[in-house]
Amino acid sequence: MKIERVELPEQHYLYVDREVDFTNPAAIGEAMGSAFGEVFGFIGAQELTPLSMPMALYLEMPEDGKMRFRGGVFVSAEDASKAHGSVSADHIPAGPTFKALHVGPYSSLNETHKALWDHMATQGISGAMPVWEIYVDDPTAVPENECRTEICRLARQT
């Protein structure tokens, strides 16, 4: 698995909040699908331009059996300013970020997250929130074992 450190610019995104039982994969998939559908429906209706594939952003890691996430997509700062209704906007600050590419089913994403965390720790770097996943491939068009997901985490020197 390739893990790399990159300097990312500030990134704006549109999103909707979701909360789901962390132990229920079917419910997670349903929540992700509804979040992406809502955000991309908004983008289409407003004639905005997505700058990425769908993403899930985590401000905290699950602690109480609940997974809280923002389902969304990166957009320009100008498009982010058009958020309204149930669709909100925010940004990820510029800075050093570690990225790993997960290839395979979503059910094993936790293994790539752990490898990324461990790699950062061996480099003397603690992670900062948020953590986000960009779903590079459409799981309805690409076999599960070939689906690619970028996992990103902000870096903070220890």
Protein backbone atom coordinates (compact mmCIF):
# COMPACT_ATOMS: atom_id res chain seq x y z
CA MET A 1 0.00 0.00 0.00
CA LYS A 2 1.30 3.41 -0.95
CA ILE A 3 1.10 6.12 1.73
CA GLU A 4 2.27 9.60 0.85
CA ARG A 5 2.56 12.99 2.47
CA VAL A 6 1.20 15.87 0.39
CA GLU A 7 0.58 19.58 0.90
CA LEU A 8 -3.04 20.29 0.09
CA PRO A 9 -4.58 23.70 -0.53
CA GLU A 10 -7.71 24.78 1.30
CA GLN A 11 -10.57 22.66 -0.02
CA HIS A 12 -14.24 23.70 0.03
CA TYR A 13 -17.06 21.20 0.07
CA LEU A 14 -20.83 20.86 0.18
CA TYR A 15 -22.31 18.26 2.51
CA VAL A 16 -25.22 16.86 4.48
CA ASP A 17 -24.84 15.37 7.96
CA ARG A 18 -25.65 11.74 8.66
CA GLU A 19 -25.50 9.47 11.71
CA VAL A 20 -25.68 5.70 11.54
CA ASP A 21 -24.99 2.59 13.63
CA PHE A 22 -21.29 1.82 13.10
CA THR A 23 -21.91 -1.94 13.36
CA ASN A 24 -24.49 -2.10 10.57
CA PRO A 25 -22.80 -2.14 7.13
CA ALA A 26 -26.12 -2.08 5.25
CA ALA A 27 -27.24 1.00 7.19
CA ILE A 28 -23.90 2.70 6.51
CA GLY A 29 -24.26 2.07 2.77
CA GLU A 30 -27.83 3.38 2.85
CA ALA A 31 -26.82 6.53 4.75
CA MET A 32 -23.91 7.19 2.39
CA GLY A 33 -26.11 6.67 -0.66
CA SER A 34 -28.82 9.01 0.61
CA ALA A 35 -26.26 11.69 1.55
CA PHE A 36 -24.57 11.55 -1.85
CA GLY A 37 -27.91 11.57 -3.63
CA GLU A 38 -29.04 14.64 -1.72
CA VAL A 39 -25.80 16.57 -2.31
CA PHE A 40 -25.50 15.67 -5.98
CA GLY A 41 -29.19 16.44 -6.47
CA PHE A 42 -28.55 19.90 -5.02
CA ILE A 43 -25.50 20.36 -7.24
CA GLY A 44 -27.51 19.43 -10.32
CA ALA A 45 -30.44 21.66 -9.42
CA GLN A 46 -28.12 24.62 -8.75
CA GLU A 47 -25.98 23.88 -11.82
CA LEU A 48 -22.78 23.71 -9.74
CA THR A 49 -19.58 21.86 -10.68
CA PRO A 50 -18.30 19.03 -8.46
CA LEU A 51 -14.51 18.89 -8.16
CA SER A 52 -14.29 15.34 -6.83
CA MET A 53 -16.06 12.05 -6.58
CA PRO A 54 -18.33 11.63 -3.51
CA MET A 55 -16.61 11.83 -0.14
CA ALA A 56 -17.32 11.16 3.50
CA LEU A 57 -15.70 13.39 6.09
CA TYR A 58 -15.35 12.51 9.77
CA LEU A 59 -14.85 15.17 12.44
CA GLU A 60 -14.55 12.50 15.13
CA MET A 61 -13.96 8.79 15.19
CA PRO A 62 -16.86 6.57 16.37
CA GLU A 63 -16.89 6.09 20.12
CA ASP A 64 -20.47 5.30 21.11
CA GLY A 65 -21.44 2.88 18.34
CA LYS A 66 -22.60 5.79 16.20
CA MET A 67 -20.78 6.93 13.10
CA ARG A 68 -21.33 10.61 12.34
CA PHE A 69 -20.19 11.83 8.98
CA ARG A 70 -20.62 14.47 6.36
CA GLY A 71 -21.50 13.06 2.97
CA GLY A 72 -20.48 15.45 0.26
CA VAL A 73 -18.25 16.58 -2.55
CA PHE A 74 -15.48 19.12 -3.10
CA VAL A 75 -16.50 22.29 -4.94
CA SER A 76 -15.07 25.74 -5.61
CA ALA A 77 -15.29 28.40 -2.89
CA GLU A 78 -17.81 30.23 -5.06
CA ASP A 79 -20.04 27.15 -5.39
CA ALA A 80 -19.71 26.46 -1.64
CA SER A 81 -21.11 29.92 -0.94
CA LYS A 82 -24.39 28.83 -2.59
CA ALA A 83 -25.22 26.22 0.06
CA HIS A 84 -28.69 26.49 1.56
CA GLY A 85 -31.47 24.37 2.99
CA SER A 86 -30.27 20.97 4.17
CA VAL A 87 -27.00 21.29 2.23
CA SER A 88 -24.22 23.05 4.13
CA ALA A 89 -20.71 24.16 3.21
CA ASP A 90 -17.37 24.03 4.99
CA HIS A 91 -13.70 23.70 4.13
CA ILE A 92 -10.64 21.68 5.04
CA PRO A 93 -7.70 23.94 5.88
CA ALA A 94 -4.55 23.89 3.79
CA GLY A 95 -1.68 21.90 5.16
CA PRO A 96 0.25 18.67 5.29
CA THR A 97 -1.91 15.62 4.74
CA PHE A 98 -1.21 11.91 4.58
CA LYS A 99 -3.00 9.91 1.89
CA ALA A 100 -3.42 6.18 1.40
CA LEU A 101 -5.13 4.40 -1.46
CA HIS A 102 -7.41 1.57 -0.39
CA VAL A 103 -8.25 -0.99 -3.06
CA GLY A 104 -11.01 -3.42 -2.20
CA PRO A 105 -14.33 -3.63 -0.42
CA TYR A 106 -15.54 -0.89 1.88
CA SER A 107 -15.81 -3.50 4.65
CA SER A 108 -12.00 -3.53 4.92
CA LEU A 109 -11.46 0.26 4.91
CA ASN A 110 -10.63 0.07 8.63
CA GLU A 111 -7.46 -1.89 7.76
CA THR A 112 -6.21 0.92 5.52
CA HIS A 113 -7.15 3.53 8.13
CA LYS A 114 -5.09 1.60 10.70
CA ALA A 115 -2.12 1.31 8.32
CA LEU A 116 -2.27 5.06 7.68
CA TRP A 117 -2.44 5.87 11.43
CA ASP A 118 0.45 3.47 12.15
CA HIS A 119 2.57 4.93 9.35
CA MET A 120 2.04 8.45 10.65
CA ALA A 121 2.95 7.35 14.18
CA THR A 122 6.23 5.77 12.99
CA GLN A 123 7.06 9.11 11.34
CA GLY A 124 6.48 10.92 14.66
CA ILE A 125 3.35 12.60 13.34
CA SER A 126 -0.01 12.65 15.05
CA GLY A 127 -3.12 13.02 13.01
CA ALA A 128 -5.57 15.84 13.24
CA MET A 129 -9.22 15.85 12.31
CA PRO A 130 -10.90 15.74 9.93
CA VAL A 131 -10.34 12.43 8.21
CA TRP A 132 -11.98 11.93 4.84
CA GLU A 133 -12.54 9.25 2.25
CA ILE A 134 -12.96 9.97 -1.46
CA TYR A 135 -14.76 7.16 -3.30
CA VAL A 136 -12.80 7.11 -6.56
CA ASP A 137 -14.82 4.35 -8.21
CA ASP A 138 -18.56 3.81 -8.53
CA PRO A 139 -19.30 0.52 -6.74
CA THR A 140 -22.21 -0.14 -9.11
CA ALA A 141 -19.81 -0.10 -12.08
CA VAL A 142 -16.54 -1.49 -10.64
CA PRO A 143 -16.14 -4.92 -8.97
CA GLU A 144 -15.96 -4.66 -5.16
CA ASN A 145 -12.39 -5.98 -4.98
CA GLU A 146 -11.23 -3.29 -7.45
CA CYS A 147 -12.96 -0.25 -5.91
CA ARG A 148 -10.50 2.49 -4.98
CA THR A 149 -10.94 4.83 -2.01
CA GLU A 150 -8.51 7.61 -1.07
CA ILE A 151 -8.16 7.99 2.69
CA CYS A 152 -6.77 11.33 3.87
CA ARG A 153 -5.81 12.67 7.27
CA LEU A 154 -4.41 16.04 8.25
CA ALA A 155 -0.97 15.87 9.83
CA ARG A 156 0.20 17.63 12.96
CA GLN A 157 3.82 17.48 14.12
CA THR A 158 4.27 15.98 17.60
